[in-house]
């Protein structure tokens, strides 16, 4: 039985720290995106469309209301890329949601790339 994969990344932009914690299991993945320190923020879930059906990813916000656009957008993006249920949390304190989107997208790409290159660990 294979364990979940965990990847942590950070990005320093304009003297601000942006963080990502990525956890991928066999049927799902979760990304916590935050500013300055790891915190749970607005949480969205996205479910990919079944492979044999026409349609798009469906998503919903489970918790919070501050960064709903980013949380849903990133959850839908990850679900469609990975073909798995995706949970994405976005926590911002001082930076605006629109300003942080480019930095968070870069972090998402970084953690997904790192995860795909990571060797499975023995248990």
N, C-alpha and C. Protein backbone atom coordinates (compact mmCIF):
# COMPACT_ATOMS: atom_id res chain seq x y z
N UNK A 1 0.84 -1.17 0.00
CA UNK A 1 0.00 0.00 0.00
C UNK A 1 0.89 1.24 0.00
N UNK A 2 0.63 2.10 -0.94
CA UNK A 2 1.43 3.33 -1.08
C UNK A 2 0.85 4.45 -0.21
N UNK A 3 1.72 5.18 0.44
CA UNK A 3 1.31 6.29 1.30
C UNK A 3 1.13 7.56 0.48
N UNK A 4 0.48 8.54 1.07
CA UNK A 4 0.28 9.84 0.42
C UNK A 4 1.63 10.53 0.21
N UNK A 5 1.71 11.30 -0.86
CA UNK A 5 2.92 12.07 -1.15
C UNK A 5 2.71 13.50 -0.65
N UNK A 6 3.74 14.06 -0.03
CA UNK A 6 3.67 15.42 0.50
C UNK A 6 4.81 16.24 -0.07
N UNK A 7 4.48 17.43 -0.57
CA UNK A 7 5.48 18.34 -1.12
C UNK A 7 5.23 19.73 -0.53
N UNK A 8 6.30 20.38 -0.09
CA UNK A 8 6.20 21.75 0.42
C UNK A 8 7.09 22.64 -0.45
N UNK A 9 6.56 23.78 -0.82
CA UNK A 9 7.33 24.75 -1.62
C UNK A 9 7.04 26.15 -1.11
N UNK A 10 7.96 27.05 -1.41
CA UNK A 10 7.71 28.45 -1.09
C UNK A 10 8.30 29.34 -2.18
N UNK A 11 7.78 30.54 -2.23
CA UNK A 11 8.16 31.50 -3.26
C UNK A 11 8.29 32.86 -2.59
N UNK A 12 9.37 33.56 -2.88
CA UNK A 12 9.57 34.91 -2.36
C UNK A 12 9.38 35.88 -3.51
N UNK A 13 8.34 36.69 -3.44
CA UNK A 13 8.03 37.66 -4.48
C UNK A 13 7.72 39.00 -3.85
N UNK A 14 8.34 40.05 -4.33
CA UNK A 14 8.09 41.41 -3.85
C UNK A 14 8.17 41.48 -2.32
N UNK A 15 9.20 40.86 -1.76
CA UNK A 15 9.44 40.81 -0.31
C UNK A 15 8.29 40.16 0.47
N UNK A 16 7.55 39.28 -0.19
CA UNK A 16 6.48 38.54 0.48
C UNK A 16 6.71 37.05 0.26
N UNK A 17 6.35 36.26 1.27
CA UNK A 17 6.51 34.81 1.20
C UNK A 17 5.17 34.15 0.90
N UNK A 18 5.14 33.31 -0.13
CA UNK A 18 3.96 32.55 -0.49
C UNK A 18 4.31 31.07 -0.34
N UNK A 19 3.42 30.31 0.29
CA UNK A 19 3.70 28.93 0.64
C UNK A 19 2.66 27.98 0.05
N UNK A 20 3.11 26.76 -0.21
CA UNK A 20 2.20 25.71 -0.68
C UNK A 20 2.55 24.40 0.02
N UNK A 21 1.53 23.72 0.50
CA UNK A 21 1.68 22.36 1.03
C UNK A 21 0.75 21.50 0.18
N UNK A 22 1.33 20.49 -0.47
CA UNK A 22 0.59 19.63 -1.40
C UNK A 22 0.59 18.21 -0.86
N UNK A 23 -0.59 17.62 -0.77
CA UNK A 23 -0.73 16.23 -0.33
C UNK A 23 -1.53 15.50 -1.40
N UNK A 24 -0.94 14.41 -1.91
CA UNK A 24 -1.65 13.63 -2.92
C UNK A 24 -1.80 12.19 -2.48
N UNK A 25 -3.05 11.75 -2.49
CA UNK A 25 -3.39 10.35 -2.20
C UNK A 25 -3.81 9.70 -3.51
N UNK A 26 -4.15 8.43 -3.45
CA UNK A 26 -4.50 7.70 -4.67
C UNK A 26 -5.70 8.31 -5.39
N UNK A 27 -6.71 8.77 -4.64
CA UNK A 27 -7.94 9.26 -5.28
C UNK A 27 -8.17 10.76 -5.15
N UNK A 28 -7.24 11.48 -4.51
CA UNK A 28 -7.48 12.90 -4.27
C UNK A 28 -6.18 13.65 -4.03
N UNK A 29 -6.29 14.97 -4.03
CA UNK A 29 -5.15 15.80 -3.66
C UNK A 29 -5.64 17.07 -2.98
N UNK A 30 -4.79 17.61 -2.13
CA UNK A 30 -5.11 18.83 -1.41
C UNK A 30 -3.92 19.77 -1.46
N UNK A 31 -4.22 21.05 -1.67
CA UNK A 31 -3.16 22.07 -1.66
C UNK A 31 -3.59 23.19 -0.72
N UNK A 32 -2.71 23.51 0.21
CA UNK A 32 -2.90 24.68 1.07
C UNK A 32 -1.99 25.78 0.55
N UNK A 33 -2.59 26.87 0.09
CA UNK A 33 -1.84 28.02 -0.42
C UNK A 33 -2.00 29.14 0.60
N UNK A 34 -0.89 29.74 1.01
CA UNK A 34 -1.00 30.79 2.01
C UNK A 34 0.12 31.81 1.91
N UNK A 35 -0.12 32.91 2.57
CA UNK A 35 0.84 34.01 2.63
C UNK A 35 1.50 33.98 4.01
N UNK A 36 2.82 34.03 4.03
CA UNK A 36 3.62 34.15 5.26
C UNK A 36 3.77 32.90 6.10
N UNK A 37 2.70 32.19 6.42
CA UNK A 37 2.78 30.97 7.21
C UNK A 37 1.69 30.01 6.76
N UNK A 38 1.89 28.71 7.04
CA UNK A 38 0.90 27.71 6.64
C UNK A 38 -0.36 27.88 7.47
N UNK A 39 -1.46 28.22 6.80
CA UNK A 39 -2.76 28.38 7.45
C UNK A 39 -3.85 27.88 6.53
N UNK A 40 -4.92 27.39 7.14
CA UNK A 40 -6.10 27.00 6.37
C UNK A 40 -6.91 28.25 6.07
N UNK A 41 -7.33 28.39 4.84
CA UNK A 41 -8.13 29.53 4.44
C UNK A 41 -9.41 29.08 3.78
N UNK A 42 -9.90 29.88 2.87
CA UNK A 42 -11.11 29.54 2.13
C UNK A 42 -10.86 28.21 1.41
N UNK A 43 -11.74 27.25 1.62
CA UNK A 43 -11.53 25.89 1.12
C UNK A 43 -12.58 25.54 0.07
N UNK A 44 -12.10 25.13 -1.09
CA UNK A 44 -12.98 24.71 -2.19
C UNK A 44 -12.68 23.27 -2.57
N UNK A 45 -13.70 22.59 -3.07
CA UNK A 45 -13.55 21.22 -3.56
C UNK A 45 -13.97 21.20 -5.02
N UNK A 46 -13.27 20.41 -5.82
CA UNK A 46 -13.63 20.23 -7.22
C UNK A 46 -13.58 18.74 -7.55
N UNK A 47 -14.54 18.32 -8.34
CA UNK A 47 -14.62 16.92 -8.76
C UNK A 47 -14.50 16.89 -10.28
N UNK A 48 -13.54 16.13 -10.81
CA UNK A 48 -13.39 16.09 -12.27
C UNK A 48 -14.56 15.37 -12.92
N UNK A 49 -14.80 15.69 -14.17
CA UNK A 49 -15.86 14.99 -14.90
C UNK A 49 -15.40 13.56 -15.16
N UNK A 50 -16.34 12.63 -15.16
CA UNK A 50 -15.96 11.25 -15.50
C UNK A 50 -15.39 11.21 -16.92
N UNK A 51 -14.44 10.35 -17.14
CA UNK A 51 -13.72 10.30 -18.42
C UNK A 51 -14.64 10.07 -19.62
N UNK A 52 -15.71 9.33 -19.43
CA UNK A 52 -16.58 8.98 -20.56
C UNK A 52 -17.79 9.91 -20.70
N UNK A 53 -17.81 11.01 -19.94
CA UNK A 53 -18.95 11.92 -20.00
C UNK A 53 -18.52 13.31 -20.47
N UNK A 54 -19.47 13.99 -21.10
CA UNK A 54 -19.23 15.36 -21.55
C UNK A 54 -19.57 16.30 -20.40
N UNK A 55 -18.80 17.34 -20.25
CA UNK A 55 -19.07 18.31 -19.18
C UNK A 55 -17.77 18.84 -18.62
N UNK A 56 -17.92 19.68 -17.63
CA UNK A 56 -16.73 20.27 -17.03
C UNK A 56 -16.63 19.86 -15.56
N UNK A 57 -15.56 20.30 -14.95
CA UNK A 57 -15.31 20.06 -13.54
C UNK A 57 -16.39 20.80 -12.73
N UNK A 58 -16.87 20.18 -11.66
CA UNK A 58 -17.81 20.87 -10.79
C UNK A 58 -17.08 21.23 -9.49
N UNK A 59 -17.43 22.37 -8.91
CA UNK A 59 -16.76 22.80 -7.69
C UNK A 59 -17.72 23.51 -6.76
N UNK A 60 -17.28 23.61 -5.52
CA UNK A 60 -18.08 24.29 -4.50
C UNK A 60 -17.14 24.77 -3.40
N UNK A 61 -17.53 25.85 -2.74
CA UNK A 61 -16.77 26.34 -1.60
C UNK A 61 -17.31 25.68 -0.35
N UNK A 62 -16.41 25.10 0.44
CA UNK A 62 -16.80 24.40 1.66
C UNK A 62 -16.68 25.26 2.90
N UNK A 63 -15.72 26.19 2.88
CA UNK A 63 -15.41 26.95 4.08
C UNK A 63 -14.89 28.33 3.69
N UNK A 64 -15.37 29.36 4.32
CA UNK A 64 -14.86 30.71 4.11
C UNK A 64 -15.55 31.44 2.98
N UNK A 65 -15.23 32.73 2.87
CA UNK A 65 -15.81 33.54 1.81
C UNK A 65 -14.88 34.63 1.29
N UNK A 66 -13.67 34.68 1.80
CA UNK A 66 -12.76 35.77 1.45
C UNK A 66 -12.12 35.60 0.06
N UNK A 67 -11.65 34.41 -0.25
CA UNK A 67 -10.92 34.18 -1.51
C UNK A 67 -11.59 33.10 -2.35
N UNK A 68 -12.90 33.20 -2.52
CA UNK A 68 -13.66 32.13 -3.19
C UNK A 68 -13.30 31.98 -4.66
N UNK A 69 -13.00 33.07 -5.32
CA UNK A 69 -12.67 32.99 -6.75
C UNK A 69 -11.40 32.16 -6.95
N UNK A 70 -10.36 32.50 -6.22
CA UNK A 70 -9.10 31.76 -6.34
C UNK A 70 -9.23 30.32 -5.89
N UNK A 71 -9.88 30.09 -4.77
CA UNK A 71 -10.01 28.73 -4.25
C UNK A 71 -10.73 27.82 -5.25
N UNK A 72 -11.84 28.29 -5.80
CA UNK A 72 -12.57 27.47 -6.78
C UNK A 72 -11.79 27.31 -8.08
N UNK A 73 -11.18 28.39 -8.54
CA UNK A 73 -10.42 28.33 -9.79
C UNK A 73 -9.27 27.33 -9.69
N UNK A 74 -8.51 27.41 -8.59
CA UNK A 74 -7.38 26.50 -8.43
C UNK A 74 -7.85 25.07 -8.19
N UNK A 75 -8.94 24.87 -7.45
CA UNK A 75 -9.46 23.52 -7.24
C UNK A 75 -9.89 22.89 -8.56
N UNK A 76 -10.57 23.66 -9.40
CA UNK A 76 -10.99 23.15 -10.70
C UNK A 76 -9.79 22.84 -11.58
N UNK A 77 -8.79 23.70 -11.54
CA UNK A 77 -7.58 23.50 -12.34
C UNK A 77 -6.87 22.20 -11.93
N UNK A 78 -6.67 22.02 -10.62
CA UNK A 78 -5.97 20.82 -10.13
C UNK A 78 -6.78 19.56 -10.43
N UNK A 79 -8.09 19.61 -10.23
CA UNK A 79 -8.93 18.45 -10.51
C UNK A 79 -8.86 18.04 -11.97
N UNK A 80 -8.86 19.03 -12.86
CA UNK A 80 -8.80 18.70 -14.29
C UNK A 80 -7.41 18.19 -14.69
N UNK A 81 -6.36 18.75 -14.10
CA UNK A 81 -4.99 18.30 -14.43
C UNK A 81 -4.71 16.90 -13.89
N UNK A 82 -5.16 16.62 -12.65
CA UNK A 82 -4.84 15.36 -12.00
C UNK A 82 -5.90 14.28 -12.23
N UNK A 83 -7.12 14.68 -12.62
CA UNK A 83 -8.20 13.71 -12.80
C UNK A 83 -8.65 13.11 -11.48
N UNK A 84 -8.52 13.89 -10.40
CA UNK A 84 -8.86 13.43 -9.06
C UNK A 84 -9.65 14.51 -8.34
N UNK A 85 -10.31 14.13 -7.25
CA UNK A 85 -10.95 15.12 -6.39
C UNK A 85 -9.85 16.04 -5.86
N UNK A 86 -10.11 17.34 -5.89
CA UNK A 86 -9.11 18.30 -5.43
C UNK A 86 -9.70 19.24 -4.38
N UNK A 87 -8.98 19.43 -3.31
CA UNK A 87 -9.32 20.40 -2.29
C UNK A 87 -8.23 21.47 -2.31
N UNK A 88 -8.62 22.72 -2.37
CA UNK A 88 -7.64 23.81 -2.37
C UNK A 88 -8.07 24.85 -1.35
N UNK A 89 -7.11 25.21 -0.50
CA UNK A 89 -7.31 26.25 0.51
C UNK A 89 -6.47 27.46 0.14
N UNK A 90 -7.06 28.65 0.24
CA UNK A 90 -6.34 29.90 -0.05
C UNK A 90 -6.46 30.83 1.15
N UNK A 91 -5.31 31.16 1.74
CA UNK A 91 -5.27 32.08 2.88
C UNK A 91 -4.40 33.28 2.50
N UNK A 92 -4.98 34.46 2.55
CA UNK A 92 -4.24 35.70 2.30
C UNK A 92 -4.53 36.67 3.43
N UNK A 93 -3.48 37.38 3.84
CA UNK A 93 -3.63 38.34 4.93
C UNK A 93 -3.54 39.77 4.40
N UNK A 94 -2.40 40.12 3.83
CA UNK A 94 -2.18 41.49 3.39
C UNK A 94 -2.28 41.67 1.87
N UNK A 95 -1.98 40.62 1.13
CA UNK A 95 -1.96 40.69 -0.33
C UNK A 95 -3.36 40.49 -0.88
N UNK A 96 -3.70 41.20 -1.95
CA UNK A 96 -4.98 41.03 -2.60
C UNK A 96 -5.07 39.73 -3.37
N UNK A 97 -6.28 39.22 -3.50
CA UNK A 97 -6.50 37.94 -4.17
C UNK A 97 -5.99 37.94 -5.62
N UNK A 98 -6.30 38.98 -6.36
CA UNK A 98 -5.88 39.03 -7.77
C UNK A 98 -4.37 39.11 -7.90
N UNK A 99 -3.72 39.86 -7.01
CA UNK A 99 -2.27 39.99 -7.05
C UNK A 99 -1.59 38.65 -6.75
N UNK A 100 -2.17 37.87 -5.84
CA UNK A 100 -1.55 36.61 -5.41
C UNK A 100 -1.79 35.47 -6.40
N UNK A 101 -2.76 35.58 -7.29
CA UNK A 101 -3.09 34.46 -8.17
C UNK A 101 -1.91 33.97 -9.01
N UNK A 102 -1.15 34.87 -9.57
CA UNK A 102 0.00 34.47 -10.40
C UNK A 102 1.04 33.73 -9.56
N UNK A 103 1.28 34.20 -8.34
CA UNK A 103 2.26 33.56 -7.47
C UNK A 103 1.78 32.16 -7.06
N UNK A 104 0.49 32.05 -6.73
CA UNK A 104 -0.05 30.75 -6.34
C UNK A 104 -0.08 29.77 -7.51
N UNK A 105 -0.37 30.25 -8.70
CA UNK A 105 -0.36 29.37 -9.88
C UNK A 105 1.05 28.82 -10.10
N UNK A 106 2.04 29.67 -9.92
CA UNK A 106 3.44 29.23 -10.05
C UNK A 106 3.75 28.15 -8.99
N UNK A 107 3.29 28.35 -7.78
CA UNK A 107 3.52 27.36 -6.71
C UNK A 107 2.80 26.05 -7.01
N UNK A 108 1.58 26.12 -7.52
CA UNK A 108 0.84 24.90 -7.87
C UNK A 108 1.61 24.10 -8.92
N UNK A 109 2.08 24.78 -9.94
CA UNK A 109 2.87 24.09 -10.98
C UNK A 109 4.13 23.47 -10.38
N UNK A 110 4.77 24.20 -9.47
CA UNK A 110 5.99 23.71 -8.83
C UNK A 110 5.75 22.45 -8.00
N UNK A 111 4.70 22.45 -7.18
CA UNK A 111 4.45 21.28 -6.33
C UNK A 111 3.97 20.08 -7.13
N UNK A 112 3.18 20.32 -8.16
CA UNK A 112 2.73 19.18 -8.98
C UNK A 112 3.89 18.59 -9.77
N UNK A 113 4.79 19.43 -10.24
CA UNK A 113 5.97 18.93 -10.96
C UNK A 113 6.89 18.17 -10.00
N UNK A 114 7.11 18.71 -8.81
CA UNK A 114 7.96 18.05 -7.81
C UNK A 114 7.36 16.71 -7.40
N UNK A 115 6.04 16.65 -7.25
CA UNK A 115 5.38 15.42 -6.86
C UNK A 115 5.53 14.35 -7.94
N UNK A 116 5.42 14.74 -9.19
CA UNK A 116 5.51 13.75 -10.27
C UNK A 116 6.93 13.21 -10.42
N UNK A 117 7.92 13.96 -9.97
CA UNK A 117 9.31 13.52 -10.05
C UNK A 117 9.78 12.79 -8.79
N UNK A 118 8.96 12.84 -7.74
CA UNK A 118 9.32 12.27 -6.46
C UNK A 118 9.25 10.74 -6.53
N UNK A 119 10.25 10.11 -5.95
CA UNK A 119 10.26 8.65 -5.87
C UNK A 119 9.30 8.19 -4.78
N UNK A 120 8.53 7.13 -5.04
CA UNK A 120 7.65 6.62 -3.99
C UNK A 120 8.49 6.14 -2.80
N UNK A 121 8.00 6.41 -1.60
CA UNK A 121 8.71 6.00 -0.40
C UNK A 121 8.21 4.65 0.06
N UNK A 122 9.11 3.82 0.56
CA UNK A 122 8.73 2.51 1.05
C UNK A 122 8.14 2.64 2.44
N UNK A 123 7.15 1.80 2.74
CA UNK A 123 6.54 1.85 4.07
C UNK A 123 6.83 0.59 4.84
